[in-house]
Amino acid sequence: MHAHRPVIHGSIICLALFMQLVLTPAAEATIYYDLGIKAAYEDNVVGLLSDKRVGTAGMTIAPGSGIMSAMSMTTGTPLYVGSSNQSSSDTSINLFANLGNSTRIAADTWFFVAGSVLHSSYSTYDQLDSTIGGLSTGITRGLGDIFTARVAISTGIKRYNDSERNSQAYGANLSLKEKLAPAFWLKESYDYEKNKADSPLFTYQGNAVSLGAGYLVTPQTTLLLVYNYLVRNFDQPSDFTVTAHTISLGMEE
C-alpha cells in the first residue's frame, strides 16, 4: 500500500500546480471558461464499427459420415469491420466545457493553459459514446485588428462505451481567426492527433482541417457552425485509412 503514496502525492502536487496556474490571476492575466452544446452530423462514422452480432457455437455433419465436415463458431464479442468497406452516417449530441488562464507575455501575445471535458452521445452507434478529458497549452498572437493566430499542443484521455476504444492521445493545433465584424468571426484550423488505444485495432494517426463561423447573438452567447474534414490512418493490424466529413451546429456561452 505504501508503494502507491509517491504516485498519489505526485498527482496531488501536479493538480495543485495546475489549479494555481489556471485559477490564480496574475498581472495582465485572464481567466476564461466556455460551456456549450452542439449537434453534429457525420457522413462516415470514423474508426472501426461493431456489427454487434451475437452467435452460438455449432457444426455441420456430413450425412451418414459421422464426421465433422465443417465447423463455425461465433461469440458474444462484437465483430469489427472497417469503415473503409462500410460507410455509415450518424448524428451526435456533444456537451463541452473549457476552463483556462491566458497571460500576456508580450505585445499582442498571450500564453494560455486550459482544461477541457467533452461528452458525446451518438444516435445509432452508442459504442462510440465517449467522455474525453484534456489539457492544452500554447501561444495566441494578435495580428492587427482582424487576425488572431494560435498554436497549441494537447493531451487527453478518452473513455468509451466500448472499452476496447479507451485511449490516451496527444496532438497539435494551428488556427487562424478573422474578426470580420464586432459580432461575427471566421476560423480555419489544422489538427494532428496520435491516438493510442487499449486495443491495437483503434490506434491511429489523425489529420483534420476545419472551417468555422461564429455569431455573437448576446454579449455572452455565440452560435457556431463548423465543417470538418478528417483523415485517420489506423495502425496494424487494422492497416487502413478512413475519411469523414462532419457538420456541426452549436451554441457556446
C-alpha atoms as a PDB file:
ATOM      1  CA  MET A   1       0.000   0.000   0.000  1.00  0.00           C
ATOM      2  CA  HIS A   2       2.835   2.414   0.822  1.00  0.00           C
ATOM      3  CA  ALA A   3       4.256   1.988  -2.692  1.00  0.00           C
ATOM      4  CA  HIS A   4       1.345   3.954  -4.122  1.00  0.00           C
ATOM      5  CA  ARG A   5       1.911   7.027  -1.953  1.00  0.00           C
ATOM      6  CA  PRO A   6       4.591   8.719  -4.149  1.00  0.00           C
ATOM      7  CA  VAL A   7       2.274   8.419  -7.161  1.00  0.00           C
ATOM      8  CA  ILE A   8      -0.658   9.849  -5.200  1.00  0.00           C
ATOM      9  CA  HIS A   9       1.458  12.659  -3.767  1.00  0.00           C
ATOM     10  CA  GLY A  10       2.860  13.470  -7.219  1.00  0.00           C
ATOM     11  CA  SER A  11      -0.639  13.605  -8.693  1.00  0.00           C
ATOM     12  CA  ILE A  12      -1.805  15.940  -5.926  1.00  0.00           C
ATOM     13  CA  ILE A  13       1.186  18.247  -6.468  1.00  0.00           C
ATOM     14  CA  CYS A  14       0.601  18.368 -10.258  1.00  0.00           C
ATOM     15  CA  LEU A  15      -3.082  19.083  -9.725  1.00  0.00           C
ATOM     16  CA  ALA A  16      -2.307  21.847  -7.229  1.00  0.00           C
ATOM     17  CA  LEU A  17       0.204  23.485  -9.594  1.00  0.00           C
ATOM     18  CA  PHE A  18      -2.258  23.347 -12.467  1.00  0.00           C
ATOM     19  CA  MET A  19      -5.105  24.807 -10.411  1.00  0.00           C
ATOM     20  CA  GLN A  20      -2.824  27.566  -9.152  1.00  0.00           C
ATOM     21  CA  LEU A  21      -1.766  28.418 -12.696  1.00  0.00           C
ATOM     22  CA  VAL A  22      -5.308  28.399 -14.052  1.00  0.00           C
ATOM     23  CA  LEU A  23      -7.236  29.895 -11.161  1.00  0.00           C
ATOM     24  CA  THR A  24      -4.801  32.428  -9.665  1.00  0.00           C
ATOM     25  CA  PRO A  25      -4.897  35.728 -11.567  1.00  0.00           C
ATOM     26  CA  ALA A  26      -1.535  37.284 -12.409  1.00  0.00           C
ATOM     27  CA  ALA A  27      -0.645  40.651 -13.857  1.00  0.00           C
ATOM     28  CA  GLU A  28      -2.393  41.032 -17.211  1.00  0.00           C
ATOM     29  CA  ALA A  29      -3.909  37.549 -16.898  1.00  0.00           C
ATOM     30  CA  THR A  30      -7.456  36.497 -17.741  1.00  0.00           C
ATOM     31  CA  ILE A  31      -9.395  33.502 -16.510  1.00  0.00           C
ATOM     32  CA  TYR A  32     -11.920  32.265 -19.050  1.00  0.00           C
ATOM     33  CA  TYR A  33     -14.443  29.463 -19.436  1.00  0.00           C
ATOM     34  CA  ASP A  34     -16.718  28.127 -22.150  1.00  0.00           C
ATOM     35  CA  LEU A  35     -19.818  25.973 -21.787  1.00  0.00           C
ATOM     36  CA  GLY A  36     -21.619  24.708 -24.835  1.00  0.00           C
ATOM     37  CA  ILE A  37     -23.701  22.176 -26.712  1.00  0.00           C
ATOM     38  CA  LYS A  38     -23.614  21.204 -30.374  1.00  0.00           C
ATOM     39  CA  ALA A  39     -25.347  18.734 -32.659  1.00  0.00           C
ATOM     40  CA  ALA A  40     -23.205  17.068 -35.329  1.00  0.00           C
ATOM     41  CA  TYR A  41     -23.823  15.033 -38.483  1.00  0.00           C
ATOM     42  CA  GLU A  42     -21.001  12.769 -39.688  1.00  0.00           C
ATOM     43  CA  ASP A  43     -21.239  11.136 -43.115  1.00  0.00           C
ATOM     44  CA  ASN A  44     -18.844   8.296 -42.230  1.00  0.00           C
ATOM     45  CA  VAL A  45     -18.514   7.340 -38.582  1.00  0.00           C
ATOM     46  CA  VAL A  46     -14.746   7.210 -38.214  1.00  0.00           C
ATOM     47  CA  GLY A  47     -12.983   4.200 -36.816  1.00  0.00           C
ATOM     48  CA  LEU A  48     -13.974   0.544 -36.687  1.00  0.00           C
ATOM     49  CA  LEU A  49     -17.631  -0.225 -36.230  1.00  0.00           C
ATOM     50  CA  SER A  50     -19.103  -3.153 -34.333  1.00  0.00           C
ATOM     51  CA  ASP A  51     -21.740  -5.195 -36.149  1.00  0.00           C
ATOM     52  CA  LYS A  52     -22.975  -6.332 -32.702  1.00  0.00           C
ATOM     53  CA  ARG A  53     -23.759  -9.841 -33.964  1.00  0.00           C
ATOM     54  CA  VAL A  54     -24.071 -12.482 -31.270  1.00  0.00           C
ATOM     55  CA  GLY A  55     -23.954 -16.156 -32.293  1.00  0.00           C
ATOM     56  CA  THR A  56     -23.637 -19.639 -30.856  1.00  0.00           C
ATOM     57  CA  ALA A  57     -21.152 -22.396 -31.432  1.00  0.00           C
ATOM     58  CA  GLY A  58     -22.187 -25.008 -33.992  1.00  0.00           C
ATOM     59  CA  MET A  59     -21.019 -27.564 -36.533  1.00  0.00           C
ATOM     60  CA  THR A  60     -22.124 -29.217 -39.762  1.00  0.00           C
ATOM     61  CA  ILE A  61     -22.029 -33.021 -40.028  1.00  0.00           C
ATOM     62  CA  ALA A  62     -21.854 -34.766 -43.384  1.00  0.00           C
ATOM     63  CA  PRO A  63     -24.943 -37.012 -43.712  1.00  0.00           C
ATOM     64  CA  GLY A  64     -24.178 -40.581 -42.781  1.00  0.00           C
ATOM     65  CA  SER A  65     -20.464 -39.978 -42.391  1.00  0.00           C
ATOM     66  CA  GLY A  66     -20.379 -39.493 -38.670  1.00  0.00           C
ATOM     67  CA  ILE A  67     -17.515 -36.998 -39.075  1.00  0.00           C
ATOM     68  CA  MET A  68     -17.452 -33.240 -38.882  1.00  0.00           C
ATOM     69  CA  SER A  69     -17.005 -31.672 -42.299  1.00  0.00           C
ATOM     70  CA  ALA A  70     -17.130 -28.032 -41.213  1.00  0.00           C
ATOM     71  CA  MET A  71     -17.409 -26.047 -38.044  1.00  0.00           C
ATOM     72  CA  SER A  72     -18.314 -22.410 -37.437  1.00  0.00           C
ATOM     73  CA  MET A  73     -18.227 -20.535 -34.194  1.00  0.00           C
ATOM     74  CA  THR A  74     -19.131 -17.025 -33.085  1.00  0.00           C
ATOM     75  CA  THR A  75     -19.136 -15.454 -29.677  1.00  0.00           C
ATOM     76  CA  GLY A  76     -20.879 -12.634 -27.843  1.00  0.00           C
ATOM     77  CA  THR A  77     -17.853 -10.399 -28.524  1.00  0.00           C
ATOM     78  CA  PRO A  78     -18.667  -7.782 -31.207  1.00  0.00           C
ATOM     79  CA  LEU A  79     -17.010  -8.338 -34.555  1.00  0.00           C
ATOM     80  CA  TYR A  80     -15.313  -5.284 -36.059  1.00  0.00           C
ATOM     81  CA  VAL A  81     -15.413  -4.242 -39.673  1.00  0.00           C
ATOM     82  CA  GLY A  82     -13.545  -1.432 -41.384  1.00  0.00           C
ATOM     83  CA  SER A  83     -15.344   1.789 -42.187  1.00  0.00           C
ATOM     84  CA  SER A  84     -13.433   1.794 -45.465  1.00  0.00           C
ATOM     85  CA  ASN A  85     -15.791  -1.009 -46.517  1.00  0.00           C
ATOM     86  CA  GLN A  86     -18.867   0.218 -44.683  1.00  0.00           C
ATOM     87  CA  SER A  87     -19.742   3.893 -44.853  1.00  0.00           C
ATOM     88  CA  SER A  88     -22.207   4.708 -42.075  1.00  0.00           C
ATOM     89  CA  SER A  89     -23.549   8.098 -41.081  1.00  0.00           C
ATOM     90  CA  ASP A  90     -24.759   9.130 -37.644  1.00  0.00           C
ATOM     91  CA  THR A  91     -25.694  12.165 -35.592  1.00  0.00           C
ATOM     92  CA  SER A  92     -24.472  13.045 -32.125  1.00  0.00           C
ATOM     93  CA  ILE A  93     -25.088  15.491 -29.286  1.00  0.00           C
ATOM     94  CA  ASN A  94     -21.933  16.933 -27.741  1.00  0.00           C
ATOM     95  CA  LEU A  95     -21.609  18.765 -24.410  1.00  0.00           C
ATOM     96  CA  PHE A  96     -18.344  20.570 -23.695  1.00  0.00           C
ATOM     97  CA  ALA A  97     -16.705  22.744 -21.062  1.00  0.00           C
ATOM     98  CA  ASN A  98     -13.350  24.577 -21.034  1.00  0.00           C
ATOM     99  CA  LEU A  99     -11.557  26.388 -18.207  1.00  0.00           C
ATOM    100  CA  GLY A 100      -8.324  28.246 -18.792  1.00  0.00           C
ATOM    101  CA  ASN A 101      -5.948  31.056 -17.989  1.00  0.00           C
ATOM    102  CA  SER A 102      -4.451  33.449 -20.564  1.00  0.00           C
ATOM    103  CA  THR A 103      -1.450  35.573 -19.592  1.00  0.00           C
ATOM    104  CA  ARG A 104       0.051  38.421 -21.627  1.00  0.00           C
ATOM    105  CA  ILE A 105       3.744  37.744 -22.246  1.00  0.00           C
ATOM    106  CA  ALA A 106       4.490  40.348 -24.947  1.00  0.00           C
ATOM    107  CA  ALA A 107       2.736  42.914 -27.103  1.00  0.00           C
ATOM    108  CA  ASP A 108      -0.332  41.217 -28.637  1.00  0.00           C
ATOM    109  CA  THR A 109       0.932  37.826 -27.433  1.00  0.00           C
ATOM    110  CA  TRP A 110      -0.610  35.566 -24.773  1.00  0.00           C
ATOM    111  CA  PHE A 111       0.374  32.257 -23.211  1.00  0.00           C
ATOM    112  CA  PHE A 112      -2.555  30.029 -22.243  1.00  0.00           C
ATOM    113  CA  VAL A 113      -3.222  26.765 -20.457  1.00  0.00           C
ATOM    114  CA  ALA A 114      -6.676  25.169 -20.365  1.00  0.00           C
ATOM    115  CA  GLY A 115      -8.510  22.049 -19.257  1.00  0.00           C
ATOM    116  CA  SER A 116     -11.488  20.652 -21.143  1.00  0.00           C
ATOM    117  CA  VAL A 117     -14.192  17.991 -20.936  1.00  0.00           C
ATOM    118  CA  LEU A 118     -16.265  16.714 -23.869  1.00  0.00           C
ATOM    119  CA  HIS A 119     -19.124  14.196 -23.716  1.00  0.00           C
ATOM    120  CA  SER A 120     -20.561  12.793 -26.960  1.00  0.00           C
ATOM    121  CA  SER A 121     -23.726  10.694 -27.387  1.00  0.00           C
ATOM    122  CA  TYR A 122     -24.479   9.053 -30.758  1.00  0.00           C
ATOM    123  CA  SER A 123     -27.952   8.254 -32.048  1.00  0.00           C
ATOM    124  CA  THR A 124     -27.181   4.835 -33.562  1.00  0.00           C
ATOM    125  CA  TYR A 125     -23.649   3.685 -32.753  1.00  0.00           C
ATOM    126  CA  ASP A 126     -23.769   4.020 -28.993  1.00  0.00           C
ATOM    127  CA  GLN A 127     -20.480   2.117 -28.656  1.00  0.00           C
ATOM    128  CA  LEU A 128     -18.921   5.403 -29.811  1.00  0.00           C
ATOM    129  CA  ASP A 129     -20.393   7.373 -26.887  1.00  0.00           C
ATOM    130  CA  SER A 130     -17.449   8.889 -25.072  1.00  0.00           C
ATOM    131  CA  THR A 131     -16.165  11.237 -22.395  1.00  0.00           C
ATOM    132  CA  ILE A 132     -12.844  12.954 -23.114  1.00  0.00           C
ATOM    133  CA  GLY A 133     -10.771  14.951 -20.639  1.00  0.00           C
ATOM    134  CA  GLY A 134      -7.914  17.048 -21.969  1.00  0.00           C
ATOM    135  CA  LEU A 135      -5.226  19.605 -21.195  1.00  0.00           C
ATOM    136  CA  SER A 136      -3.782  22.063 -23.733  1.00  0.00           C
ATOM    137  CA  THR A 137      -1.230  24.852 -23.724  1.00  0.00           C
ATOM    138  CA  GLY A 138       0.135  27.238 -26.305  1.00  0.00           C
ATOM    139  CA  ILE A 139       0.550  30.753 -27.660  1.00  0.00           C
ATOM    140  CA  THR A 140      -2.035  33.160 -29.087  1.00  0.00           C
ATOM    141  CA  ARG A 141      -0.889  36.219 -31.059  1.00  0.00           C
ATOM    142  CA  GLY A 142      -2.895  39.102 -32.435  1.00  0.00           C
ATOM    143  CA  LEU A 143      -2.015  40.125 -35.997  1.00  0.00           C
ATOM    144  CA  GLY A 144      -3.584  43.546 -36.312  1.00  0.00           C
ATOM    145  CA  ASP A 145      -7.219  44.327 -35.632  1.00  0.00           C
ATOM    146  CA  ILE A 146      -8.677  41.424 -37.593  1.00  0.00           C
ATOM    147  CA  PHE A 147      -6.445  38.330 -37.420  1.00  0.00           C
ATOM    148  CA  THR A 148      -5.526  36.132 -34.443  1.00  0.00           C
ATOM    149  CA  ALA A 149      -3.172  33.141 -34.770  1.00  0.00           C
ATOM    150  CA  ARG A 150      -2.827  30.279 -32.291  1.00  0.00           C
ATOM    151  CA  VAL A 151      -0.501  27.294 -31.906  1.00  0.00           C
ATOM    152  CA  ALA A 152      -1.087  24.668 -29.207  1.00  0.00           C
ATOM    153  CA  ILE A 153      -0.174  21.191 -28.032  1.00  0.00           C
ATOM    154  CA  SER A 154      -2.572  18.946 -26.126  1.00  0.00           C
ATOM    155  CA  THR A 155      -3.028  15.631 -24.384  1.00  0.00           C
ATOM    156  CA  GLY A 156      -6.162  13.759 -23.411  1.00  0.00           C
ATOM    157  CA  ILE A 157      -7.756  10.617 -22.010  1.00  0.00           C
ATOM    158  CA  LYS A 158     -10.764   9.041 -23.771  1.00  0.00           C
ATOM    159  CA  ARG A 159     -13.316   6.666 -22.293  1.00  0.00           C
ATOM    160  CA  TYR A 160     -15.911   4.906 -24.489  1.00  0.00           C
ATOM    161  CA  ASN A 161     -18.903   2.627 -24.021  1.00  0.00           C
ATOM    162  CA  ASP A 162     -16.820   0.084 -25.936  1.00  0.00           C
ATOM    163  CA  SER A 163     -13.873  -0.229 -23.555  1.00  0.00           C
ATOM    164  CA  GLU A 164     -11.502  -1.514 -26.269  1.00  0.00           C
ATOM    165  CA  ARG A 165     -11.574   2.020 -27.701  1.00  0.00           C
ATOM    166  CA  ASN A 166     -10.353   3.603 -24.456  1.00  0.00           C
ATOM    167  CA  SER A 167      -7.195   5.528 -25.229  1.00  0.00           C
ATOM    168  CA  GLN A 168      -4.635   8.200 -24.498  1.00  0.00           C
ATOM    169  CA  ALA A 169      -3.933  10.829 -27.118  1.00  0.00           C
ATOM    170  CA  TYR A 170      -1.694  13.790 -27.810  1.00  0.00           C
ATOM    171  CA  GLY A 171      -1.725  16.314 -30.617  1.00  0.00           C
ATOM    172  CA  ALA A 172      -1.093  19.768 -32.003  1.00  0.00           C
ATOM    173  CA  ASN A 173      -3.277  22.541 -33.383  1.00  0.00           C
ATOM    174  CA  LEU A 174      -2.736  25.542 -35.668  1.00  0.00           C
ATOM    175  CA  SER A 175      -5.541  28.050 -36.200  1.00  0.00           C
ATOM    176  CA  LEU A 176      -6.255  31.455 -37.706  1.00  0.00           C
ATOM    177  CA  LYS A 177      -9.280  33.526 -36.716  1.00  0.00           C
ATOM    178  CA  GLU A 178     -10.661  36.584 -38.512  1.00  0.00           C
ATOM    179  CA  LYS A 179     -12.950  39.001 -36.712  1.00  0.00           C
ATOM    180  CA  LEU A 180     -14.865  40.481 -39.651  1.00  0.00           C
ATOM    181  CA  ALA A 181     -17.415  42.400 -37.553  1.00  0.00           C
ATOM    182  CA  PRO A 182     -17.977  43.033 -33.830  1.00  0.00           C
ATOM    183  CA  ALA A 183     -20.401  40.087 -33.710  1.00  0.00           C
ATOM    184  CA  PHE A 184     -19.068  37.811 -36.481  1.00  0.00           C
ATOM    185  CA  TRP A 185     -15.876  35.797 -36.971  1.00  0.00           C
ATOM    186  CA  LEU A 186     -14.424  33.053 -39.168  1.00  0.00           C
ATOM    187  CA  LYS A 187     -11.851  30.440 -38.159  1.00  0.00           C
ATOM    188  CA  GLU A 188      -9.647  27.964 -40.036  1.00  0.00           C
ATOM    189  CA  SER A 189      -7.664  25.274 -38.230  1.00  0.00           C
ATOM    190  CA  TYR A 190      -5.486  22.187 -38.669  1.00  0.00           C
ATOM    191  CA  ASP A 191      -5.258  19.406 -36.063  1.00  0.00           C
ATOM    192  CA  TYR A 192      -2.870  16.474 -35.710  1.00  0.00           C
ATOM    193  CA  GLU A 193      -3.636  13.625 -33.288  1.00  0.00           C
ATOM    194  CA  LYS A 194      -1.853  10.446 -32.244  1.00  0.00           C
ATOM    195  CA  ASN A 195      -4.310   8.113 -30.526  1.00  0.00           C
ATOM    196  CA  LYS A 196      -3.040   5.006 -28.668  1.00  0.00           C
ATOM    197  CA  ALA A 197      -5.960   2.762 -27.718  1.00  0.00           C
ATOM    198  CA  ASP A 198      -6.195  -0.183 -25.338  1.00  0.00           C
ATOM    199  CA  SER A 199      -6.853  -2.364 -28.387  1.00  0.00           C
ATOM    200  CA  PRO A 200      -4.416  -2.047 -31.324  1.00  0.00           C
ATOM    201  CA  LEU A 201      -7.466  -2.084 -33.630  1.00  0.00           C
ATOM    202  CA  PHE A 202      -8.225   1.506 -32.624  1.00  0.00           C
ATOM    203  CA  THR A 203      -4.743   3.034 -32.621  1.00  0.00           C
ATOM    204  CA  TYR A 204      -4.350   5.677 -35.320  1.00  0.00           C
ATOM    205  CA  GLN A 205      -2.870   8.966 -36.519  1.00  0.00           C
ATOM    206  CA  GLY A 206      -5.383  11.640 -37.456  1.00  0.00           C
ATOM    207  CA  ASN A 207      -5.234  14.821 -39.526  1.00  0.00           C
ATOM    208  CA  ALA A 208      -8.134  17.256 -39.728  1.00  0.00           C
ATOM    209  CA  VAL A 209      -8.909  20.630 -41.263  1.00  0.00           C
ATOM    210  CA  SER A 210     -11.844  22.733 -40.096  1.00  0.00           C
ATOM    211  CA  LEU A 211     -13.719  25.814 -41.269  1.00  0.00           C
ATOM    212  CA  GLY A 212     -15.918  27.531 -38.698  1.00  0.00           C
ATOM    213  CA  ALA A 213     -18.018  30.614 -38.151  1.00  0.00           C
ATOM    214  CA  GLY A 214     -19.353  32.256 -35.014  1.00  0.00           C
ATOM    215  CA  TYR A 215     -22.052  34.867 -34.491  1.00  0.00           C
ATOM    216  CA  LEU A 216     -22.489  36.684 -31.177  1.00  0.00           C
ATOM    217  CA  VAL A 217     -26.237  36.766 -30.523  1.00  0.00           C
ATOM    218  CA  THR A 218     -25.836  38.181 -26.995  1.00  0.00           C
ATOM    219  CA  PRO A 219     -22.754  39.513 -25.153  1.00  0.00           C
ATOM    220  CA  GLN A 220     -22.278  36.018 -23.650  1.00  0.00           C
ATOM    221  CA  THR A 221     -23.759  33.651 -26.274  1.00  0.00           C
ATOM    222  CA  THR A 222     -22.235  32.610 -29.605  1.00  0.00           C
ATOM    223  CA  LEU A 223     -23.853  30.487 -32.320  1.00  0.00           C
ATOM    224  CA  LEU A 224     -21.364  28.134 -34.016  1.00  0.00           C
ATOM    225  CA  LEU A 225     -21.298  26.454 -37.432  1.00  0.00           C
ATOM    226  CA  VAL A 226     -18.318  24.202 -38.226  1.00  0.00           C
ATOM    227  CA  TYR A 227     -17.303  21.962 -41.142  1.00  0.00           C
ATOM    228  CA  ASN A 228     -14.591  19.371 -40.500  1.00  0.00           C
ATOM    229  CA  TYR A 229     -12.703  17.044 -42.864  1.00  0.00           C
ATOM    230  CA  LEU A 230     -10.905  14.223 -41.059  1.00  0.00           C
ATOM    231  CA  VAL A 231      -8.474  11.521 -42.203  1.00  0.00           C
ATOM    232  CA  ARG A 232      -7.419   8.722 -39.858  1.00  0.00           C
ATOM    233  CA  ASN A 233      -4.651   6.226 -40.655  1.00  0.00           C
ATOM    234  CA  PHE A 234      -5.047   3.145 -38.489  1.00  0.00           C
ATOM    235  CA  ASP A 235      -2.009   1.147 -37.410  1.00  0.00           C
ATOM    236  CA  GLN A 236      -1.549  -2.592 -37.786  1.00  0.00           C
ATOM    237  CA  PRO A 237      -3.454  -4.885 -37.643  1.00  0.00           C
ATOM    238  CA  SER A 238      -6.262  -2.642 -38.985  1.00  0.00           C
ATOM    239  CA  ASP A 239      -3.993  -1.004 -41.572  1.00  0.00           C
ATOM    240  CA  PHE A 240      -6.486   1.133 -43.434  1.00  0.00           C
ATOM    241  CA  THR A 241      -7.419   4.778 -43.896  1.00  0.00           C
ATOM    242  CA  VAL A 242     -10.851   6.338 -43.368  1.00  0.00           C
ATOM    243  CA  THR A 243     -12.128   9.820 -44.107  1.00  0.00           C
ATOM    244  CA  ALA A 244     -15.151  11.680 -42.781  1.00  0.00           C
ATOM    245  CA  HIS A 245     -16.999  14.939 -43.326  1.00  0.00           C
ATOM    246  CA  THR A 246     -18.682  16.435 -40.260  1.00  0.00           C
ATOM    247  CA  ILE A 247     -21.045  19.397 -39.995  1.00  0.00           C
ATOM    248  CA  SER A 248     -21.944  20.690 -36.532  1.00  0.00           C
ATOM    249  CA  LEU A 249     -24.218  23.426 -35.251  1.00  0.00           C
ATOM    250  CA  GLY A 250     -23.982  24.606 -31.669  1.00  0.00           C
ATOM    251  CA  MET A 251     -24.149  27.266 -29.008  1.00  0.00           C
ATOM    252  CA  GLU A 252     -21.385  28.451 -26.654  1.00  0.00           C
ATOM    253  CA  GLU A 253     -21.590  30.546 -23.508  1.00  0.00           C
END
